[in-house]
Structure formats: C-alpha cells, structure tokens
Amino acid sequence: MPRLSPDGLVSARRRLLQMHYESGVGHLGGALSCLDAMMLLFHEHLRPTDDFILSKGHAVSALYVTLWSLGEISDDDLRTFCHDGTLLGAHPPANAIDRIRFATGSLGHGFSIAAGTALGCQILGQDSRIYCMTSDGEWQEGSTWEALIFACHRQLDNLTVLIDENGLQAFGSTSEVASMAPLAARISGFDADVREIDGHDPDAIAQAIEAAKSSDRPSLIACRTV
C-alpha cells in the first residue's frame, strides 16, 4: 500500500476541526488524539479482508474523516454530522456505513467484540486481521481485562489493539480518576505482545502495526498521544 503523505494527515486534521466547528458537537479532543494512528492504519495496512472495531465510539468523527480521506464518505455527508436524520451520528452506526460493522460507544466492550471476531476468523480459517482501538480510560473497566485474558489464552495472533493513551477521560485525567500506570507493563504481564510508541509519529505507528503482523500473540500498541 502507498505511504500516507504528511499533507494527507494535515488535511484530515483540518477537515475534522471543520466538521466539529460546523456541527457544534462531538468529542473533538478524543478524536484528534487517535486520528493519526487511524489514518495510518486505514491507508497503509487495512486490507479488504481485515476488520476494525472502534471501541472508543465517542471518537467516531475521526473514523468518519478517515473514511472521507479514502473517498468512502462524501464531503456532503460530513456536513450532516450529528444532524437530524444523518447516518453520521455521535457513535458508530452498525452496518449503516461500509467498514462499520459494530455499534460501539458503551465503553469497555469493543475489545471483547474484536477478540470474539478474531477467534471466529481463526476457527473459519480466514486470512483476516482484526484491529481495535480503545481509549486508555477503558482500561479501568473489568470487561477490558477479561477480553485481554481471553485473547491471550486463545493466542489470538490475528488481533491488534491500539490504545489511545491521551491521559484524559470525561471526569478528569486518567491518573486522577483511577490510574492504571504503568499500563503497558501491566498488560505485558498477561503474555501479550506490547509496544509503546509516540502516537503522532507516522513511522513509529507504521513500524508497530507491521511488527504486530508477525507476532505469535495478541498485539497491543500503547500510543502516547495529546
């Protein structure tokens, strides 16, 4: 796949800002923090046989803009974001838009969906890699750790989870609400393949996603973001 240009990332950031400004709603910060990783994943790694689950559904505007950058959502569609009658709501709509198979946004469940999907692909012998993006706040929830235990127990080497570590959640910083630091070290204790990267460094993102493809364990990429 061709490399995503720096201009492509800048264009996506601008369009995301414009969309939120025009609609006057949405979770702009949480969308901007994960946009770079999402753009790199979709433009350079995601194959037609792969799947992506956005567990942090409140950041769906970043997914809409990513699909717009690929020509799969029109500019006119983006202008309907969160308007009455739109398909582009504040959380991912299941099967209303290509590439969005699951409705998410009730935090803590996307990883479980991804793990189950990855297991299903293994059972069926499908050449599919399942990607999931979670927030760091979701790692305060037991269901997320249960998904990790399940994924590691079943050795789901076709599963890659990106964690958007922006350090913030609805009621304050993650360190103030319920610190999980050091998150990557805690996760690695379950025998997952864990990497920590700068979530705004295109080369680091690309290298981590590529390395995960050759792992024999579930891969988790902790993306430090702002």
C-alpha atoms as a PDB file:
ATOM      1  CA  MET A   1       0.000   0.000   0.000  1.00  0.00           C
ATOM      2  CA  PRO A   2       1.254   3.556  -0.704  1.00  0.00           C
ATOM      3  CA  ARG A   3       2.531   5.653   2.191  1.00  0.00           C
ATOM      4  CA  LEU A   4       0.234   8.289   3.624  1.00  0.00           C
ATOM      5  CA  SER A   5       1.702  11.733   2.987  1.00  0.00           C
ATOM      6  CA  PRO A   6       2.127  14.373   5.721  1.00  0.00           C
ATOM      7  CA  ASP A   7      -0.220  16.581   3.706  1.00  0.00           C
ATOM      8  CA  GLY A   8      -2.839  13.850   3.930  1.00  0.00           C
ATOM      9  CA  LEU A   9      -2.669  13.891   7.720  1.00  0.00           C
ATOM     10  CA  VAL A  10      -2.856  17.684   7.851  1.00  0.00           C
ATOM     11  CA  SER A  11      -5.854  17.682   5.524  1.00  0.00           C
ATOM     12  CA  ALA A  12      -7.645  15.156   7.721  1.00  0.00           C
ATOM     13  CA  ARG A  13      -6.995  17.185  10.873  1.00  0.00           C
ATOM     14  CA  ARG A  14      -8.333  20.325   9.225  1.00  0.00           C
ATOM     15  CA  ARG A  15     -11.441  18.556   7.976  1.00  0.00           C
ATOM     16  CA  LEU A  16     -12.064  17.093  11.424  1.00  0.00           C
ATOM     17  CA  LEU A  17     -11.813  20.521  13.031  1.00  0.00           C
ATOM     18  CA  GLN A  18     -14.111  21.992  10.396  1.00  0.00           C
ATOM     19  CA  MET A  19     -16.696  19.247  10.890  1.00  0.00           C
ATOM     20  CA  HIS A  20     -16.821  19.772  14.641  1.00  0.00           C
ATOM     21  CA  TYR A  21     -16.935  23.550  14.254  1.00  0.00           C
ATOM     22  CA  GLU A  22     -19.840  23.360  11.809  1.00  0.00           C
ATOM     23  CA  SER A  23     -21.825  20.865  13.897  1.00  0.00           C
ATOM     24  CA  GLY A  24     -21.037  22.416  17.262  1.00  0.00           C
ATOM     25  CA  VAL A  25     -20.976  18.989  18.917  1.00  0.00           C
ATOM     26  CA  GLY A  26     -18.781  15.946  19.387  1.00  0.00           C
ATOM     27  CA  HIS A  27     -15.691  14.822  21.269  1.00  0.00           C
ATOM     28  CA  LEU A  28     -13.026  16.737  19.382  1.00  0.00           C
ATOM     29  CA  GLY A  29     -10.084  16.064  21.704  1.00  0.00           C
ATOM     30  CA  GLY A  30     -10.538  12.306  21.790  1.00  0.00           C
ATOM     31  CA  ALA A  31     -10.954  12.246  18.013  1.00  0.00           C
ATOM     32  CA  LEU A  32      -7.835  14.296  17.292  1.00  0.00           C
ATOM     33  CA  SER A  33      -5.702  12.202  19.627  1.00  0.00           C
ATOM     34  CA  CYS A  34      -6.388   8.974  17.711  1.00  0.00           C
ATOM     35  CA  LEU A  35      -6.723  10.363  14.172  1.00  0.00           C
ATOM     36  CA  ASP A  36      -3.072   9.888  13.151  1.00  0.00           C
ATOM     37  CA  ALA A  37      -2.986   6.205  14.102  1.00  0.00           C
ATOM     38  CA  MET A  38      -6.353   5.589  12.477  1.00  0.00           C
ATOM     39  CA  MET A  39      -5.305   7.272   9.232  1.00  0.00           C
ATOM     40  CA  LEU A  40      -2.042   5.291   9.072  1.00  0.00           C
ATOM     41  CA  LEU A  41      -3.870   2.042   9.755  1.00  0.00           C
ATOM     42  CA  PHE A  42      -6.548   2.524   7.113  1.00  0.00           C
ATOM     43  CA  HIS A  43      -4.309   3.967   4.416  1.00  0.00           C
ATOM     44  CA  GLU A  44      -1.308   1.662   4.783  1.00  0.00           C
ATOM     45  CA  HIS A  45      -2.319  -1.591   6.463  1.00  0.00           C
ATOM     46  CA  LEU A  46      -6.018  -2.422   6.486  1.00  0.00           C
ATOM     47  CA  ARG A  47      -6.915  -4.961   3.788  1.00  0.00           C
ATOM     48  CA  PRO A  48     -10.420  -5.702   2.467  1.00  0.00           C
ATOM     49  CA  THR A  49     -10.371  -8.946   4.471  1.00  0.00           C
ATOM     50  CA  ASP A  50      -9.461  -7.179   7.728  1.00  0.00           C
ATOM     51  CA  ASP A  51     -11.831  -5.600  10.231  1.00  0.00           C
ATOM     52  CA  PHE A  52     -11.679  -2.560  12.514  1.00  0.00           C
ATOM     53  CA  ILE A  53     -13.650  -2.008  15.714  1.00  0.00           C
ATOM     54  CA  LEU A  54     -13.621   1.449  17.282  1.00  0.00           C
ATOM     55  CA  SER A  55     -14.178   0.720  20.956  1.00  0.00           C
ATOM     56  CA  LYS A  56     -13.911   4.401  21.926  1.00  0.00           C
ATOM     57  CA  GLY A  57     -17.040   5.154  19.929  1.00  0.00           C
ATOM     58  CA  HIS A  58     -17.187   8.792  21.029  1.00  0.00           C
ATOM     59  CA  ALA A  59     -14.218   9.375  18.675  1.00  0.00           C
ATOM     60  CA  VAL A  60     -16.209   8.241  15.649  1.00  0.00           C
ATOM     61  CA  SER A  61     -15.699  11.604  13.941  1.00  0.00           C
ATOM     62  CA  ALA A  62     -12.063  10.572  13.399  1.00  0.00           C
ATOM     63  CA  LEU A  63     -13.314   7.405  11.699  1.00  0.00           C
ATOM     64  CA  TYR A  64     -15.715   9.382   9.514  1.00  0.00           C
ATOM     65  CA  VAL A  65     -12.918  11.700   8.399  1.00  0.00           C
ATOM     66  CA  THR A  66     -10.610   8.745   7.751  1.00  0.00           C
ATOM     67  CA  LEU A  67     -13.244   7.171   5.501  1.00  0.00           C
ATOM     68  CA  TRP A  68     -13.726  10.575   3.841  1.00  0.00           C
ATOM     69  CA  SER A  69      -9.989  10.703   3.109  1.00  0.00           C
ATOM     70  CA  LEU A  70     -10.355   7.345   1.345  1.00  0.00           C
ATOM     71  CA  GLY A  71     -13.281   8.579  -0.729  1.00  0.00           C
ATOM     72  CA  GLU A  72     -15.752   6.308   1.061  1.00  0.00           C
ATOM     73  CA  ILE A  73     -17.730   9.159   2.664  1.00  0.00           C
ATOM     74  CA  SER A  74     -18.508  12.373   0.792  1.00  0.00           C
ATOM     75  CA  ASP A  75     -17.891  15.914   1.942  1.00  0.00           C
ATOM     76  CA  ASP A  76     -21.644  16.489   1.894  1.00  0.00           C
ATOM     77  CA  ASP A  77     -22.057  13.512   4.221  1.00  0.00           C
ATOM     78  CA  LEU A  78     -19.606  15.017   6.711  1.00  0.00           C
ATOM     79  CA  ARG A  79     -21.695  18.195   6.798  1.00  0.00           C
ATOM     80  CA  THR A  80     -24.585  16.163   8.231  1.00  0.00           C
ATOM     81  CA  PHE A  81     -22.554  15.020  11.265  1.00  0.00           C
ATOM     82  CA  CYS A  82     -24.914  14.737  14.250  1.00  0.00           C
ATOM     83  CA  HIS A  83     -27.795  16.421  12.398  1.00  0.00           C
ATOM     84  CA  ASP A  84     -31.330  15.036  12.448  1.00  0.00           C
ATOM     85  CA  GLY A  85     -31.721  12.125  10.047  1.00  0.00           C
ATOM     86  CA  THR A  86     -27.999  11.657   9.451  1.00  0.00           C
ATOM     87  CA  LEU A  87     -26.185   8.349   9.203  1.00  0.00           C
ATOM     88  CA  LEU A  88     -23.162  10.015  10.827  1.00  0.00           C
ATOM     89  CA  GLY A  89     -24.189  10.041  14.444  1.00  0.00           C
ATOM     90  CA  ALA A  90     -22.202  10.689  17.608  1.00  0.00           C
ATOM     91  CA  HIS A  91     -21.362   6.975  17.896  1.00  0.00           C
ATOM     92  CA  PRO A  92     -20.670   4.338  15.222  1.00  0.00           C
ATOM     93  CA  PRO A  93     -23.834   3.090  13.476  1.00  0.00           C
ATOM     94  CA  ALA A  94     -23.807  -0.677  12.903  1.00  0.00           C
ATOM     95  CA  ASN A  95     -23.888  -1.611   9.203  1.00  0.00           C
ATOM     96  CA  ALA A  96     -25.235   1.790   8.114  1.00  0.00           C
ATOM     97  CA  ILE A  97     -21.846   2.644   6.617  1.00  0.00           C
ATOM     98  CA  ASP A  98     -19.351   0.345   4.940  1.00  0.00           C
ATOM     99  CA  ARG A  99     -16.477  -0.637   7.271  1.00  0.00           C
ATOM    100  CA  ILE A 100     -18.551  -0.002  10.401  1.00  0.00           C
ATOM    101  CA  ARG A 101     -19.950  -3.401  11.401  1.00  0.00           C
ATOM    102  CA  PHE A 102     -20.496  -2.829  15.111  1.00  0.00           C
ATOM    103  CA  ALA A 103     -22.206  -0.107  17.115  1.00  0.00           C
ATOM    104  CA  THR A 104     -19.893   0.941  19.942  1.00  0.00           C
ATOM    105  CA  GLY A 105     -19.549   3.719  22.461  1.00  0.00           C
ATOM    106  CA  SER A 106     -20.626   1.937  25.617  1.00  0.00           C
ATOM    107  CA  LEU A 107     -17.018   1.881  26.709  1.00  0.00           C
ATOM    108  CA  GLY A 108     -15.226  -1.323  27.594  1.00  0.00           C
ATOM    109  CA  HIS A 109     -16.883  -3.632  25.073  1.00  0.00           C
ATOM    110  CA  GLY A 110     -15.024  -3.095  21.787  1.00  0.00           C
ATOM    111  CA  PHE A 111     -12.037  -5.234  22.776  1.00  0.00           C
ATOM    112  CA  SER A 112     -14.361  -8.143  23.580  1.00  0.00           C
ATOM    113  CA  ILE A 113     -16.069  -7.788  20.193  1.00  0.00           C
ATOM    114  CA  ALA A 114     -12.680  -7.714  18.481  1.00  0.00           C
ATOM    115  CA  ALA A 115     -11.434 -10.768  20.374  1.00  0.00           C
ATOM    116  CA  GLY A 116     -14.536 -12.763  19.503  1.00  0.00           C
ATOM    117  CA  THR A 117     -14.272 -11.726  15.869  1.00  0.00           C
ATOM    118  CA  ALA A 118     -10.599 -12.709  15.777  1.00  0.00           C
ATOM    119  CA  LEU A 119     -11.388 -16.128  17.236  1.00  0.00           C
ATOM    120  CA  GLY A 120     -14.159 -16.624  14.696  1.00  0.00           C
ATOM    121  CA  CYS A 121     -11.760 -15.848  11.856  1.00  0.00           C
ATOM    122  CA  GLN A 122      -9.277 -18.385  13.214  1.00  0.00           C
ATOM    123  CA  ILE A 123     -11.935 -21.087  13.520  1.00  0.00           C
ATOM    124  CA  LEU A 124     -13.093 -20.452   9.948  1.00  0.00           C
ATOM    125  CA  GLY A 125      -9.530 -20.345   8.641  1.00  0.00           C
ATOM    126  CA  GLN A 126      -9.955 -16.817   7.298  1.00  0.00           C
ATOM    127  CA  ASP A 127      -6.918 -14.704   6.434  1.00  0.00           C
ATOM    128  CA  SER A 128      -8.152 -11.703   8.388  1.00  0.00           C
ATOM    129  CA  ARG A 129      -6.527  -9.438  10.947  1.00  0.00           C
ATOM    130  CA  ILE A 130      -8.780  -7.735  13.448  1.00  0.00           C
ATOM    131  CA  TYR A 131      -7.870  -4.260  14.656  1.00  0.00           C
ATOM    132  CA  CYS A 132      -9.408  -2.491  17.628  1.00  0.00           C
ATOM    133  CA  MET A 133      -8.847   0.979  19.048  1.00  0.00           C
ATOM    134  CA  THR A 134      -9.548   1.587  22.728  1.00  0.00           C
ATOM    135  CA  SER A 135      -9.205   4.594  24.981  1.00  0.00           C
ATOM    136  CA  ASP A 136      -6.910   4.482  27.992  1.00  0.00           C
ATOM    137  CA  GLY A 137      -9.866   5.159  30.288  1.00  0.00           C
ATOM    138  CA  GLU A 138     -11.444   1.876  29.161  1.00  0.00           C
ATOM    139  CA  TRP A 139      -8.632   0.033  30.898  1.00  0.00           C
ATOM    140  CA  GLN A 140     -10.248   0.979  34.205  1.00  0.00           C
ATOM    141  CA  GLU A 141     -13.068  -1.430  33.293  1.00  0.00           C
ATOM    142  CA  GLY A 142     -13.041  -5.117  34.137  1.00  0.00           C
ATOM    143  CA  SER A 143     -14.514  -6.173  30.804  1.00  0.00           C
ATOM    144  CA  THR A 144     -11.428  -4.876  29.017  1.00  0.00           C
ATOM    145  CA  TRP A 145      -9.124  -7.003  31.151  1.00  0.00           C
ATOM    146  CA  GLU A 146     -11.392 -10.011  30.663  1.00  0.00           C
ATOM    147  CA  ALA A 147     -11.023  -9.540  26.907  1.00  0.00           C
ATOM    148  CA  LEU A 148      -7.243  -9.399  27.317  1.00  0.00           C
ATOM    149  CA  ILE A 149      -7.229 -12.619  29.360  1.00  0.00           C
ATOM    150  CA  PHE A 150      -9.380 -14.332  26.730  1.00  0.00           C
ATOM    151  CA  ALA A 151      -7.278 -13.088  23.798  1.00  0.00           C
ATOM    152  CA  CYS A 152      -4.026 -14.229  25.403  1.00  0.00           C
ATOM    153  CA  HIS A 153      -5.457 -17.588  26.464  1.00  0.00           C
ATOM    154  CA  ARG A 154      -6.655 -18.269  22.909  1.00  0.00           C
ATOM    155  CA  GLN A 155      -3.396 -16.917  21.430  1.00  0.00           C
ATOM    156  CA  LEU A 156      -5.215 -14.613  19.032  1.00  0.00           C
ATOM    157  CA  ASP A 157      -2.208 -13.663  16.929  1.00  0.00           C
ATOM    158  CA  ASN A 158      -4.539 -12.107  14.334  1.00  0.00           C
ATOM    159  CA  LEU A 159      -5.612  -9.398  16.790  1.00  0.00           C
ATOM    160  CA  THR A 160      -4.027  -5.949  17.146  1.00  0.00           C
ATOM    161  CA  VAL A 161      -5.321  -3.456  19.706  1.00  0.00           C
ATOM    162  CA  LEU A 162      -4.255   0.185  19.606  1.00  0.00           C
ATOM    163  CA  ILE A 163      -4.627   2.081  22.881  1.00  0.00           C
ATOM    164  CA  ASP A 164      -5.077   5.847  22.651  1.00  0.00           C
ATOM    165  CA  GLU A 165      -3.187   6.988  25.751  1.00  0.00           C
ATOM    166  CA  ASN A 166      -4.155  10.657  25.789  1.00  0.00           C
ATOM    167  CA  GLY A 167      -4.360  10.701  29.579  1.00  0.00           C
ATOM    168  CA  LEU A 168      -7.867  12.181  29.706  1.00  0.00           C
ATOM    169  CA  GLN A 169     -11.400  10.958  30.256  1.00  0.00           C
ATOM    170  CA  ALA A 170     -14.798  12.522  30.894  1.00  0.00           C
ATOM    171  CA  PHE A 171     -14.268  13.476  34.537  1.00  0.00           C
ATOM    172  CA  GLY A 172     -10.592  14.387  34.550  1.00  0.00           C
ATOM    173  CA  SER A 173      -7.217  12.862  33.859  1.00  0.00           C
ATOM    174  CA  THR A 174      -6.868   9.091  33.917  1.00  0.00           C
ATOM    175  CA  SER A 175      -4.245   9.421  36.640  1.00  0.00           C
ATOM    176  CA  GLU A 176      -6.708  11.280  38.886  1.00  0.00           C
ATOM    177  CA  VAL A 177      -9.769   9.121  38.228  1.00  0.00           C
ATOM    178  CA  ALA A 178      -8.145   5.680  38.535  1.00  0.00           C
ATOM    179  CA  SER A 179      -4.528   5.399  37.487  1.00  0.00           C
ATOM    180  CA  MET A 180      -3.566   2.249  35.590  1.00  0.00           C
ATOM    181  CA  ALA A 181       0.055   3.278  35.147  1.00  0.00           C
ATOM    182  CA  PRO A 182       2.258   1.718  34.010  1.00  0.00           C
ATOM    183  CA  LEU A 183      -0.422   0.396  31.648  1.00  0.00           C
ATOM    184  CA  ALA A 184       1.851  -1.286  29.099  1.00  0.00           C
ATOM    185  CA  ALA A 185       3.745  -3.130  31.834  1.00  0.00           C
ATOM    186  CA  ARG A 186       0.518  -4.365  33.403  1.00  0.00           C
ATOM    187  CA  ILE A 187      -0.726  -5.646  30.042  1.00  0.00           C
ATOM    188  CA  SER A 188       2.551  -7.400  29.261  1.00  0.00           C
ATOM    189  CA  GLY A 189       2.099  -9.432  32.443  1.00  0.00           C
ATOM    190  CA  PHE A 190      -0.655 -11.354  30.661  1.00  0.00           C
ATOM    191  CA  ASP A 191       1.825 -12.507  27.985  1.00  0.00           C
ATOM    192  CA  ALA A 192       0.592 -10.151  25.296  1.00  0.00           C
ATOM    193  CA  ASP A 193       2.958  -8.615  22.751  1.00  0.00           C
ATOM    194  CA  VAL A 194       3.104  -4.966  23.851  1.00  0.00           C
ATOM    195  CA  ARG A 195       4.739  -1.935  22.271  1.00  0.00           C
ATOM    196  CA  GLU A 196       4.842   1.689  23.440  1.00  0.00           C
ATOM    197  CA  ILE A 197       5.113   4.388  20.785  1.00  0.00           C
ATOM    198  CA  ASP A 198       4.562   8.064  20.062  1.00  0.00           C
ATOM    199  CA  GLY A 199       1.021   8.017  18.713  1.00  0.00           C
ATOM    200  CA  HIS A 200       1.698  11.006  16.480  1.00  0.00           C
ATOM    201  CA  ASP A 201       4.872   9.645  14.833  1.00  0.00           C
ATOM    202  CA  PRO A 202       3.861   8.110  11.476  1.00  0.00           C
ATOM    203  CA  ASP A 203       6.999   5.968  11.232  1.00  0.00           C
ATOM    204  CA  ALA A 204       6.606   4.606  14.764  1.00  0.00           C
ATOM    205  CA  ILE A 205       2.930   3.835  14.162  1.00  0.00           C
ATOM    206  CA  ALA A 206       3.645   2.067  10.870  1.00  0.00           C
ATOM    207  CA  GLN A 207       6.516   0.037  12.317  1.00  0.00           C
ATOM    208  CA  ALA A 208       4.479  -1.094  15.325  1.00  0.00           C
ATOM    209  CA  ILE A 209       1.499  -2.155  13.213  1.00  0.00           C
ATOM    210  CA  GLU A 210       3.781  -4.015  10.809  1.00  0.00           C
ATOM    211  CA  ALA A 211       5.649  -5.778  13.630  1.00  0.00           C
ATOM    212  CA  ALA A 212       2.365  -6.940  15.142  1.00  0.00           C
ATOM    213  CA  LYS A 213       1.565  -8.898  11.981  1.00  0.00           C
ATOM    214  CA  SER A 214       4.422 -11.321  12.637  1.00  0.00           C
ATOM    215  CA  SER A 215       3.734 -11.813  16.352  1.00  0.00           C
ATOM    216  CA  ASP A 216       2.540 -15.176  17.657  1.00  0.00           C
ATOM    217  CA  ARG A 217       0.483 -13.476  20.377  1.00  0.00           C
ATOM    218  CA  PRO A 218      -2.206 -10.786  20.589  1.00  0.00           C
ATOM    219  CA  SER A 219      -0.533  -7.435  19.975  1.00  0.00           C
ATOM    220  CA  LEU A 220      -1.272  -4.248  21.860  1.00  0.00           C
ATOM    221  CA  ILE A 221       0.187  -0.896  20.860  1.00  0.00           C
ATOM    222  CA  ALA A 222       0.122   1.812  23.518  1.00  0.00           C
ATOM    223  CA  CYS A 223       0.046   5.109  21.618  1.00  0.00           C
ATOM    224  CA  ARG A 224       1.087   8.111  23.710  1.00  0.00           C
ATOM    225  CA  THR A 225      -0.992  10.990  22.365  1.00  0.00           C
ATOM    226  CA  VAL A 226      -2.105  14.526  23.122  1.00  0.00           C
END
